[in-house]
Each structure stands twice: as structure tokens, then as C-alpha cells.
Amino acid sequence: MFLSHIDNFANEKKYLAPRIQQALEFLQKTDWSSKADGKYVIDGDKIVANLATYTTKPKQECKAETHIKYIDIQYMVKGAEKMGYSPLLVGQEIEEDCSKDKDAIFYKNITDENEIIVSEKMYTIFYPTDIHRPSCMIIAPSEIRKIVVKIAIEQ
């Protein structure tokens, strides 16, 4: 997992893979205040962004997940949410395996889950070895606007 602020991108760029750099450059250069919710293609089926507005929920209503085929970048356009994080370790109990249909595996009873607050202009990068639980409210439900960029893993 990687957590940062988009204003640090110029200094951190050299540490990131080319497709991640491409996605973050797109996020940084686009004025999201005038964009409609929906799908934005950055590089064919290799890099796709989904902009959504929604209300955060209590942690117990949010699913912990991993992905096999894609890296997630989650960029906060407006508002803030809490996210859970845990490394994917042997013994994590799978609640539902949707990896064939929608590249998601959902978990229950996460071991050593940590929580982070992601606010405006911050982003997280979640790799296939990162269990993450997005969309959690901080204190009370609140409306946020967030982009999730899916980056295909090169094979």
C-alpha cells in the first residue's frame, strides 16, 4: 500500500511504475469539479478511471477486498473517508470470491486491520497483496467524491 498527496507527485514519481505514473498524471491534470460521475478511459483497457459520488457507511457495512488483475488507485476529489488496510496473509478467511466475474475477493475477520483517513487530494495505491476496505465513514456518514483507477497488471 502506498498513501500520498497528489501535490507530492512530482517528488515521488521516480518511485512509481510507468502505468501508475500515467494514471496519477491524468488525475493531477484533470479538473474533476466539472466532470460527471462515470468511466474515463486513460489507456484502453490497461488504465480506466471511475468517478463516483456516494455516502460513506459504518465500517461493518463496508467490504474488505483484494484484486488479482488490477492495481487500485483511490483518489479523493471531495470529502474524506476512512479506509481499512491489512497485508494479505495466509489464513485470511474469504467471504466471497468474485475474482472471475469482477476481479474482487471479499474477506471477513481481517487480521491486524489498520485504519487510515484519506482526505481531499490524497490517494492510496493498493496492490494485489493489500486487503483494503474503502468507503467507511469517519464519524458520521458523509458524501464524498472519489476516483478509483484500475491499472492492469502486466503479465
Protein backbone atom coordinates (compact mmCIF):
# COMPACT_ATOMS: atom_id res chain seq x y z
CA MET A 1 0.00 0.00 0.00
CA PHE A 2 1.12 3.50 -0.79
CA LEU A 3 -0.52 6.63 0.66
CA SER A 4 0.29 10.13 -0.50
CA HIS A 5 -0.98 13.56 -1.60
CA ILE A 6 -1.19 14.48 -5.28
CA ASP A 7 0.86 17.65 -4.62
CA ASN A 8 3.83 15.36 -3.76
CA PHE A 9 3.61 13.51 -7.07
CA ALA A 10 6.48 15.37 -8.77
CA ASN A 11 8.85 14.32 -5.97
CA GLU A 12 7.58 10.74 -5.70
CA LYS A 13 7.11 9.99 -9.40
CA LYS A 14 10.52 8.32 -9.76
CA TYR A 15 9.49 5.61 -7.26
CA LEU A 16 6.37 4.56 -9.18
CA ALA A 17 5.83 2.22 -12.13
CA PRO A 18 5.11 3.82 -15.54
CA ARG A 19 1.38 2.96 -15.64
CA ILE A 20 0.91 4.31 -12.12
CA GLN A 21 2.72 7.49 -13.17
CA GLN A 22 0.45 7.80 -16.21
CA ALA A 23 -2.68 7.41 -14.09
CA LEU A 24 -1.53 9.94 -11.48
CA GLU A 25 -0.60 12.46 -14.17
CA PHE A 26 -4.12 12.11 -15.57
CA LEU A 27 -5.64 12.62 -12.10
CA GLN A 28 -3.44 15.64 -11.44
CA LYS A 29 -4.10 17.41 -14.76
CA THR A 30 -7.87 16.93 -14.90
CA ASP A 31 -10.35 19.40 -13.39
CA TRP A 32 -12.68 16.95 -11.66
CA SER A 33 -15.07 19.61 -10.36
CA SER A 34 -16.75 19.86 -13.78
CA LYS A 35 -16.74 16.14 -14.65
CA ALA A 36 -19.76 13.87 -14.41
CA ASP A 37 -19.66 10.63 -12.48
CA GLY A 38 -18.75 7.73 -14.74
CA LYS A 39 -15.98 5.88 -16.54
CA TYR A 40 -12.93 7.63 -18.05
CA VAL A 41 -10.57 5.64 -20.27
CA ILE A 42 -6.95 6.65 -19.82
CA ASP A 43 -5.18 3.91 -21.80
CA GLY A 44 -7.55 1.42 -23.40
CA ASP A 45 -8.36 -1.45 -21.05
CA LYS A 46 -5.00 -1.05 -19.28
CA ILE A 47 -5.90 2.08 -17.26
CA VAL A 48 -9.51 3.06 -16.55
CA ALA A 49 -10.84 5.58 -14.02
CA ASN A 50 -14.28 5.52 -12.39
CA LEU A 51 -15.54 8.74 -10.79
CA ALA A 52 -18.33 8.28 -8.23
CA THR A 53 -20.22 10.32 -5.65
CA TYR A 54 -21.56 8.37 -2.67
CA THR A 55 -22.17 8.42 1.06
CA THR A 56 -19.72 6.74 3.42
CA LYS A 57 -21.04 3.94 5.67
CA PRO A 58 -20.26 2.33 9.02
CA LYS A 59 -17.21 0.05 8.79
CA GLN A 60 -19.24 -3.12 9.37
CA GLU A 61 -21.21 -2.36 6.18
CA CYS A 62 -18.06 -1.98 4.03
CA LYS A 63 -16.37 -4.99 2.44
CA ALA A 64 -12.68 -5.79 2.73
CA GLU A 65 -11.33 -6.78 -0.69
CA THR A 66 -8.36 -7.59 -2.88
CA HIS A 67 -7.92 -7.70 -6.65
CA ILE A 68 -5.85 -10.08 -8.76
CA LYS A 69 -5.74 -8.46 -12.22
CA TYR A 70 -5.65 -4.77 -11.28
CA ILE A 71 -3.89 -2.31 -9.01
CA ASP A 72 -6.26 0.24 -7.45
CA ILE A 73 -5.52 3.91 -7.10
CA GLN A 74 -8.19 5.57 -4.96
CA TYR A 75 -8.09 9.37 -5.24
CA MET A 76 -10.26 11.61 -3.06
CA VAL A 77 -11.73 14.50 -5.04
CA LYS A 78 -14.06 15.85 -2.32
CA GLY A 79 -14.60 14.92 1.31
CA ALA A 80 -12.83 12.29 3.38
CA GLU A 81 -13.28 8.64 4.28
CA LYS A 82 -11.71 6.03 6.48
CA MET A 83 -10.15 3.00 4.80
CA GLY A 84 -9.09 -0.25 6.38
CA TYR A 85 -5.83 -1.91 5.33
CA SER A 86 -4.13 -5.21 6.07
CA PRO A 87 -1.48 -7.19 4.23
CA LEU A 88 -2.84 -10.30 2.54
CA LEU A 89 -1.50 -13.08 4.73
CA VAL A 90 -2.03 -16.81 4.74
CA GLY A 91 -5.13 -17.73 6.69
CA GLN A 92 -7.33 -14.76 5.85
CA GLU A 93 -10.88 -16.09 5.61
CA ILE A 94 -12.55 -15.49 2.25
CA GLU A 95 -16.19 -14.45 2.45
CA GLU A 96 -16.84 -14.39 -1.31
CA ASP A 97 -14.62 -15.00 -4.35
CA CYS A 98 -15.78 -12.91 -7.31
CA SER A 99 -12.37 -12.90 -9.00
CA LYS A 100 -13.60 -14.44 -12.24
CA ASP A 101 -16.54 -12.07 -12.73
CA LYS A 102 -15.36 -8.73 -11.33
CA ASP A 103 -11.79 -9.16 -10.10
CA ALA A 104 -12.67 -8.95 -6.41
CA ILE A 105 -12.19 -11.28 -3.48
CA PHE A 106 -14.00 -10.27 -0.29
CA TYR A 107 -12.76 -11.19 3.20
CA LYS A 108 -14.14 -11.40 6.72
CA ASN A 109 -12.48 -11.13 10.13
CA ILE A 110 -9.38 -9.31 8.90
CA THR A 111 -6.25 -9.89 10.98
CA ASP A 112 -4.40 -6.74 12.13
CA GLU A 113 -6.50 -4.29 10.10
CA ASN A 114 -5.20 -0.73 10.31
CA GLU A 115 -7.25 2.36 9.51
CA ILE A 116 -6.24 5.45 7.57
CA ILE A 117 -8.08 8.67 6.80
CA VAL A 118 -7.93 9.74 3.16
CA SER A 119 -8.95 13.37 2.56
CA GLU A 120 -9.11 15.66 -0.46
CA LYS A 121 -6.22 15.37 -2.93
CA MET A 122 -4.85 12.29 -1.17
CA TYR A 123 -4.60 8.91 -2.85
CA THR A 124 -3.87 5.31 -2.00
CA ILE A 125 -2.35 2.64 -4.18
CA PHE A 126 -3.48 -0.88 -3.35
CA TYR A 127 -1.64 -3.84 -4.85
CA PRO A 128 -2.94 -7.43 -5.09
CA THR A 129 -1.27 -8.22 -1.75
CA ASP A 130 -3.20 -5.41 0.02
CA ILE A 131 -6.57 -6.09 1.61
CA HIS A 132 -8.43 -2.78 1.62
CA ARG A 133 -11.80 -1.67 2.98
CA PRO A 134 -12.87 1.61 1.33
CA SER A 135 -15.98 3.77 1.86
CA CYS A 136 -16.02 3.80 5.67
CA MET A 137 -17.38 6.83 7.50
CA ILE A 138 -15.07 8.73 9.84
CA ILE A 139 -17.59 9.84 12.49
CA ALA A 140 -20.89 10.06 10.64
CA PRO A 141 -21.98 9.27 7.08
CA SER A 142 -20.90 11.97 4.64
CA GLU A 143 -20.97 12.49 0.90
CA ILE A 144 -17.67 12.10 -0.90
CA ARG A 145 -16.46 12.17 -4.46
CA LYS A 146 -13.75 9.69 -5.35
CA ILE A 147 -11.99 8.24 -8.36
CA VAL A 148 -10.91 4.61 -8.45
CA VAL A 149 -8.36 3.95 -11.17
CA LYS A 150 -7.91 0.35 -12.26
CA ILE A 151 -4.42 -0.40 -13.63
CA ALA A 152 -3.96 -3.74 -15.37
CA ILE A 153 -1.06 -5.73 -14.03
CA GLU A 154 1.44 -6.52 -16.75
CA GLN A 155 1.99 -10.21 -17.20
